[in-house]
């Protein structure tokens, strides 16, 4: 480790249906800091995102054995991003590390992350080079991140959520009062000094993933609409293309009519044109509707989460 030590590092863990893995996650990280970084004060912020299994009881037991642990419990499930936001706002360390509760992120990388931070990095991103997930999940992630990188080129191909943030970066991030956050895009948008550490995501050994296709799709839509102009640009290009095709088709009809050789005398081409244009309009209205709905959500100013209690 470098000579200048951190006074305190906060580890934020979003928890949802993670019974059985929390004690081991706490134990592995605590042992790493005790053995490799003994001068660093460690703070824990576990955020229970409305778990209905035994996760809260397990967190209470961890808290009873370690007074460095803080447990925040939501009234219901508000989603991973909401849990992360609550943890970030509660963390008091000079650096904050966000890590999953499922033991798929190697905790030993924390030492390298802190070393990089001490050398001047304000954000240290651990990104996934490969993952032991089902083929369908890997395919979806590959396509989704390929599209996201069109909007935010700095995002690594495999994406990330295992990350260290300097206190300055954390404070800046916490000032963004936005719903439907795109964590990766908002973090890299700041332009702070960032270093990257590759790793292979491990196979889950306890429980099963709660991050289903619907949640992945919601996160992808949030990413595209929050951090990208691509959907609006897509609408514009569709409009231009539809106009050009319609104009060329109209010219061909006028020419055919003028020479008395109209190519069509039935309703089929008319119906095809109506269906194509109607479909394009509905697609455009759907995308615009997503933006309008998000504007409505911002205007209502509802909180991202509701806290039931804290330990």
Protein backbone atom coordinates (compact mmCIF):
# COMPACT_ATOMS: atom_id res chain seq x y z
CA UNK A 1 0.00 0.00 0.00
CA UNK A 2 1.05 3.61 -0.51
CA UNK A 3 2.28 5.70 2.40
CA UNK A 4 -0.67 8.10 2.61
CA UNK A 5 -3.61 6.21 4.01
CA UNK A 6 -7.31 6.88 3.81
CA UNK A 7 -8.97 7.81 7.07
CA UNK A 8 -12.11 5.94 6.17
CA UNK A 9 -13.50 3.85 3.31
CA UNK A 10 -17.24 3.21 3.05
CA UNK A 11 -18.44 -0.01 1.45
CA UNK A 12 -22.00 0.24 0.11
CA UNK A 13 -23.94 -2.97 -0.52
CA UNK A 14 -27.45 -3.02 -2.01
CA UNK A 15 -29.34 -6.04 -0.66
CA UNK A 16 -32.34 -7.79 -2.18
CA UNK A 17 -33.08 -11.43 -1.46
CA UNK A 18 -29.42 -12.17 -0.63
CA UNK A 19 -29.92 -14.42 2.37
CA UNK A 20 -26.93 -16.71 2.81
CA UNK A 21 -24.34 -14.55 1.03
CA UNK A 22 -24.27 -11.46 3.26
CA UNK A 23 -22.28 -12.92 6.15
CA UNK A 24 -19.66 -14.31 3.79
CA UNK A 25 -19.46 -11.00 1.88
CA UNK A 26 -18.95 -9.12 5.15
CA UNK A 27 -16.40 -11.64 6.37
CA UNK A 28 -14.28 -11.64 3.21
CA UNK A 29 -14.10 -7.84 2.98
CA UNK A 30 -13.44 -7.43 6.72
CA UNK A 31 -10.58 -9.95 6.57
CA UNK A 32 -9.09 -8.24 3.50
CA UNK A 33 -8.97 -4.86 5.22
CA UNK A 34 -7.71 -6.31 8.50
CA UNK A 35 -4.88 -8.24 6.83
CA UNK A 36 -3.87 -6.00 3.89
CA UNK A 37 -5.05 -2.49 4.86
CA UNK A 38 -5.07 -2.35 8.69
CA UNK A 39 -4.63 1.43 8.88
CA UNK A 40 -7.84 2.11 6.98
CA UNK A 41 -11.04 2.61 8.96
CA UNK A 42 -13.86 0.66 7.37
CA UNK A 43 -17.52 1.68 7.31
CA UNK A 44 -20.33 -0.54 6.04
CA UNK A 45 -23.63 0.63 4.61
CA UNK A 46 -26.02 -2.21 3.82
CA UNK A 47 -29.29 -1.12 2.21
CA UNK A 48 -32.08 -3.69 2.49
CA UNK A 49 -34.27 -3.06 -0.56
CA UNK A 50 -37.48 -4.65 0.73
CA UNK A 51 -36.18 -8.22 0.92
CA UNK A 52 -38.81 -10.79 1.89
CA UNK A 53 -36.37 -13.60 2.74
CA UNK A 54 -34.07 -13.73 5.76
CA UNK A 55 -31.71 -11.00 4.54
CA UNK A 56 -32.76 -8.47 7.21
CA UNK A 57 -32.29 -10.96 10.05
CA UNK A 58 -28.84 -11.80 8.68
CA UNK A 59 -27.98 -8.08 8.51
CA UNK A 60 -29.13 -7.60 12.10
CA UNK A 61 -26.81 -10.40 13.19
CA UNK A 62 -23.91 -8.84 11.27
CA UNK A 63 -24.69 -5.47 12.89
CA UNK A 64 -24.75 -7.06 16.35
CA UNK A 65 -21.22 -8.41 15.80
CA UNK A 66 -19.73 -5.36 14.08
CA UNK A 67 -20.51 -1.81 15.22
CA UNK A 68 -19.02 -0.41 11.99
CA UNK A 69 -22.08 -1.68 10.13
CA UNK A 70 -25.02 0.54 9.27
CA UNK A 71 -28.23 -1.04 7.98
CA UNK A 72 -30.88 0.95 6.11
CA UNK A 73 -34.21 -0.76 5.45
CA UNK A 74 -36.76 0.35 2.85
CA UNK A 75 -40.52 0.04 3.29
CA UNK A 76 -40.67 -2.02 0.08
CA UNK A 77 -38.60 -2.93 -2.96
CA UNK A 78 -37.64 0.28 -4.78
CA UNK A 79 -34.94 -1.19 -7.02
CA UNK A 80 -31.17 -1.52 -7.03
CA UNK A 81 -30.52 2.06 -8.12
CA UNK A 82 -32.61 3.45 -5.27
CA UNK A 83 -30.72 1.26 -2.78
CA UNK A 84 -27.39 2.43 -4.16
CA UNK A 85 -28.49 6.08 -3.92
CA UNK A 86 -29.50 5.64 -0.28
CA UNK A 87 -26.17 4.00 0.49
CA UNK A 88 -24.19 6.72 -1.26
CA UNK A 89 -25.97 9.46 0.68
CA UNK A 90 -25.41 7.67 3.98
CA UNK A 91 -21.72 6.88 3.39
CA UNK A 92 -19.26 9.15 5.21
CA UNK A 93 -15.92 7.77 4.01
CA UNK A 94 -13.30 9.68 2.05
CA UNK A 95 -13.79 7.01 -0.60
CA UNK A 96 -16.88 4.94 -1.31
CA UNK A 97 -16.84 1.47 -2.84
CA UNK A 98 -20.00 0.02 -4.35
CA UNK A 99 -20.08 -3.77 -4.55
CA UNK A 100 -22.80 -6.37 -5.11
CA UNK A 101 -23.97 -8.67 -2.33
CA UNK A 102 -23.85 -11.88 -4.35
CA UNK A 103 -20.09 -12.66 -4.12
CA UNK A 104 -19.67 -12.38 -7.90
CA UNK A 105 -17.30 -9.40 -7.62
CA UNK A 106 -13.82 -10.38 -6.32
CA UNK A 107 -13.28 -8.48 -3.07
CA UNK A 108 -9.49 -8.74 -3.38
CA UNK A 109 -9.61 -6.08 -6.09
CA UNK A 110 -10.41 -3.50 -3.41
CA UNK A 111 -6.73 -3.27 -2.47
CA UNK A 112 -5.80 -2.45 -6.08
CA UNK A 113 -8.70 0.01 -6.30
CA UNK A 114 -7.50 1.89 -3.23
CA UNK A 115 -3.91 1.88 -4.49
CA UNK A 116 -5.11 3.45 -7.74
CA UNK A 117 -7.10 6.03 -5.79
CA UNK A 118 -4.07 6.96 -3.71
CA UNK A 119 -2.09 7.49 -6.92
CA UNK A 120 -4.57 10.15 -8.02
CA UNK A 121 -7.56 8.42 -9.61
CA UNK A 122 -10.87 9.96 -8.57
CA UNK A 123 -12.93 7.08 -9.98
CA UNK A 124 -11.72 3.48 -10.16
CA UNK A 125 -13.90 1.25 -12.31
CA UNK A 126 -13.73 -2.54 -12.18
CA UNK A 127 -15.28 -3.70 -15.43
CA UNK A 128 -16.35 -7.15 -16.50
CA UNK A 129 -14.32 -8.74 -19.31
CA UNK A 130 -16.36 -11.93 -19.13
CA UNK A 131 -19.13 -13.32 -17.02
CA UNK A 132 -20.33 -16.78 -15.96
CA UNK A 133 -23.94 -16.04 -16.83
CA UNK A 134 -26.42 -17.93 -19.07
CA UNK A 135 -25.95 -17.39 -22.83
CA UNK A 136 -29.15 -15.33 -23.13
CA UNK A 137 -28.00 -12.96 -20.37
CA UNK A 138 -24.58 -12.56 -21.99
CA UNK A 139 -26.18 -11.85 -25.38
CA UNK A 140 -28.54 -9.24 -23.96
CA UNK A 141 -25.71 -7.53 -22.07
CA UNK A 142 -23.48 -7.52 -25.15
CA UNK A 143 -26.12 -5.90 -27.36
CA UNK A 144 -27.24 -3.45 -24.67
CA UNK A 145 -23.75 -2.21 -23.86
CA UNK A 146 -22.87 -1.94 -27.52
CA UNK A 147 -25.78 0.48 -27.93
CA UNK A 148 -24.99 2.31 -24.68
CA UNK A 149 -21.43 2.89 -25.83
CA UNK A 150 -22.81 4.80 -28.82
CA UNK A 151 -24.11 7.34 -26.28
CA UNK A 152 -21.30 7.11 -23.69
CA UNK A 153 -18.14 5.78 -25.39
CA UNK A 154 -16.20 5.68 -22.09
CA UNK A 155 -18.31 2.80 -20.77
CA UNK A 156 -16.31 -0.45 -20.90
CA UNK A 157 -17.75 -3.17 -23.14
CA UNK A 158 -18.83 -5.31 -20.21
CA UNK A 159 -20.28 -2.48 -18.14
CA UNK A 160 -19.68 -2.01 -14.43
CA UNK A 161 -21.18 -1.36 -11.01
CA UNK A 162 -18.17 -2.40 -8.90
CA UNK A 163 -16.52 0.98 -8.48
CA UNK A 164 -14.61 3.24 -6.08
CA UNK A 165 -15.51 6.93 -5.92
CA UNK A 166 -13.58 9.73 -4.28
CA UNK A 167 -15.52 11.87 -1.80
CA UNK A 168 -15.53 14.79 -4.24
CA UNK A 169 -17.06 12.59 -6.94
CA UNK A 170 -19.55 11.14 -4.46
CA UNK A 171 -20.71 14.57 -3.36
CA UNK A 172 -21.11 15.67 -6.99
CA UNK A 173 -23.08 12.53 -7.80
CA UNK A 174 -25.37 13.01 -4.79
CA UNK A 175 -26.30 16.53 -5.90
CA UNK A 176 -27.96 15.17 -9.06
CA UNK A 177 -31.65 15.17 -8.19
CA UNK A 178 -32.87 12.93 -11.02
CA UNK A 179 -35.17 9.91 -11.17
CA UNK A 180 -34.48 6.91 -13.43
CA UNK A 181 -30.73 7.34 -13.02
CA UNK A 182 -28.17 5.79 -15.32
CA UNK A 183 -25.40 5.19 -12.80
CA UNK A 184 -22.56 4.46 -15.21
CA UNK A 185 -23.32 7.37 -17.51
CA UNK A 186 -23.78 9.88 -14.69
CA UNK A 187 -20.51 8.81 -13.09
CA UNK A 188 -18.39 9.02 -16.24
CA UNK A 189 -20.13 12.22 -17.39
CA UNK A 190 -18.26 14.18 -14.70
CA UNK A 191 -14.95 13.84 -16.57
CA UNK A 192 -13.04 13.04 -13.37
CA UNK A 193 -9.74 11.15 -13.52
CA UNK A 194 -10.75 7.54 -14.06
CA UNK A 195 -8.79 4.31 -14.08
CA UNK A 196 -10.06 0.90 -15.16
CA UNK A 197 -9.40 -2.57 -13.76
CA UNK A 198 -10.60 -5.63 -15.75
CA UNK A 199 -11.90 -8.76 -14.05
CA UNK A 200 -13.95 -11.87 -14.73
CA UNK A 201 -17.29 -11.91 -12.99
CA UNK A 202 -17.64 -15.04 -10.89
CA UNK A 203 -20.46 -17.53 -10.96
CA UNK A 204 -23.07 -17.06 -8.27
CA UNK A 205 -22.67 -19.71 -5.57
CA UNK A 206 -25.49 -18.68 -3.20
CA UNK A 207 -29.09 -18.06 -4.26
CA UNK A 208 -30.16 -16.87 -7.69
CA UNK A 209 -30.08 -13.53 -9.44
CA UNK A 210 -33.03 -11.19 -8.86
CA UNK A 211 -31.93 -9.08 -11.83
CA UNK A 212 -34.41 -10.48 -14.35
CA UNK A 213 -35.01 -9.54 -17.98
CA UNK A 214 -37.63 -6.91 -17.08
CA UNK A 215 -35.20 -5.12 -14.76
CA UNK A 216 -32.41 -5.33 -17.32
CA UNK A 217 -34.70 -3.90 -19.98
CA UNK A 218 -35.79 -1.09 -17.66
CA UNK A 219 -32.16 -0.25 -16.91
CA UNK A 220 -31.34 -0.27 -20.62
CA UNK A 221 -34.23 2.10 -21.41
CA UNK A 222 -33.17 4.40 -18.56
CA UNK A 223 -29.63 4.42 -19.93
CA UNK A 224 -30.69 5.25 -23.48
CA UNK A 225 -33.19 7.95 -22.52
CA UNK A 226 -31.23 9.49 -19.65
CA UNK A 227 -27.77 9.69 -21.17
CA UNK A 228 -28.38 9.70 -24.90
CA UNK A 229 -29.87 11.78 -27.69
CA UNK A 230 -30.00 8.67 -29.91
CA UNK A 231 -33.76 7.96 -29.56
CA UNK A 232 -34.64 11.53 -30.54
CA UNK A 233 -32.10 11.41 -33.35
CA UNK A 234 -33.62 8.08 -34.46
CA UNK A 235 -37.04 9.73 -34.63
CA UNK A 236 -35.64 12.55 -36.74
CA UNK A 237 -33.93 10.15 -39.14
CA UNK A 238 -37.10 8.04 -39.44
CA UNK A 239 -39.05 11.19 -40.25
CA UNK A 240 -36.55 12.25 -42.91
CA UNK A 241 -36.43 8.75 -44.43
CA UNK A 242 -40.21 8.47 -44.49
CA UNK A 243 -40.51 11.89 -46.14
CA UNK A 244 -37.92 11.03 -48.81
CA UNK A 245 -39.47 7.67 -49.61
CA UNK A 246 -42.89 9.25 -49.80
CA UNK A 247 -41.62 12.04 -52.05
CA UNK A 248 -39.91 9.63 -54.45
CA UNK A 249 -42.96 7.39 -54.54
CA UNK A 250 -45.18 10.38 -55.23
CA UNK A 251 -42.94 11.47 -58.12
CA UNK A 252 -43.08 7.98 -59.64
CA UNK A 253 -46.87 7.98 -59.44
CA UNK A 254 -47.11 11.42 -61.07
CA UNK A 255 -44.77 10.36 -63.89
CA UNK A 256 -46.69 7.12 -64.44
CA UNK A 257 -49.99 9.01 -64.47
CA UNK A 258 -48.68 11.61 -66.94
CA UNK A 259 -47.75 8.93 -69.48
CA UNK A 260 -50.88 6.95 -68.86
CA UNK A 261 -49.07 4.00 -67.31
CA UNK A 262 -50.10 3.95 -63.64
CA UNK A 263 -48.35 0.95 -62.09
CA UNK A 264 -51.08 0.15 -59.56
CA UNK A 265 -54.83 0.19 -59.72
CA UNK A 266 -55.62 -1.63 -56.49
CA UNK A 267 -55.68 -0.85 -52.79
CA UNK A 268 -52.64 -2.99 -51.86
CA UNK A 269 -49.94 -0.34 -52.34
CA UNK A 270 -52.12 2.21 -50.59
CA UNK A 271 -52.57 -0.07 -47.57
CA UNK A 272 -48.85 -0.87 -47.47
CA UNK A 273 -48.02 2.83 -47.46
CA UNK A 274 -50.60 3.54 -44.76
CA UNK A 275 -49.34 0.69 -42.57
CA UNK A 276 -45.67 1.65 -42.94
CA UNK A 277 -46.25 5.32 -42.23
CA UNK A 278 -48.71 4.54 -39.44
CA UNK A 279 -46.21 2.16 -37.85
CA UNK A 280 -43.43 4.73 -38.05
CA UNK A 281 -45.67 7.35 -36.44
CA UNK A 282 -46.66 5.02 -33.60
CA UNK A 283 -43.01 4.16 -32.97
CA UNK A 284 -42.11 7.83 -32.81
CA UNK A 285 -45.03 8.62 -30.50
CA UNK A 286 -43.99 5.76 -28.22
CA UNK A 287 -40.46 7.10 -27.84
CA UNK A 288 -41.75 10.64 -27.29
CA UNK A 289 -44.18 9.21 -24.72
CA UNK A 290 -41.23 7.75 -22.76
CA UNK A 291 -39.69 11.21 -22.54
CA UNK A 292 -42.99 12.83 -21.55
CA UNK A 293 -43.51 10.23 -18.82
CA UNK A 294 -40.05 10.92 -17.43
CA UNK A 295 -40.71 14.66 -17.46
CA UNK A 296 -43.90 13.98 -15.49
CA UNK A 297 -41.96 11.89 -12.97
CA UNK A 298 -39.41 14.69 -12.50
CA UNK A 299 -42.14 17.32 -12.01
CA UNK A 300 -43.88 15.21 -9.35
CA UNK A 301 -40.65 15.13 -7.29
CA UNK A 302 -41.45 11.90 -5.46
CA UNK A 303 -38.49 10.46 -3.53
CA UNK A 304 -36.58 7.57 -5.05
CA UNK A 305 -37.14 5.50 -1.90
CA UNK A 306 -38.76 5.51 1.57
CA UNK A 307 -36.74 4.39 4.60
CA UNK A 308 -38.52 2.36 7.27
CA UNK A 309 -35.70 2.31 9.82
CA UNK A 310 -31.93 2.36 10.30
CA UNK A 311 -29.61 0.35 12.51
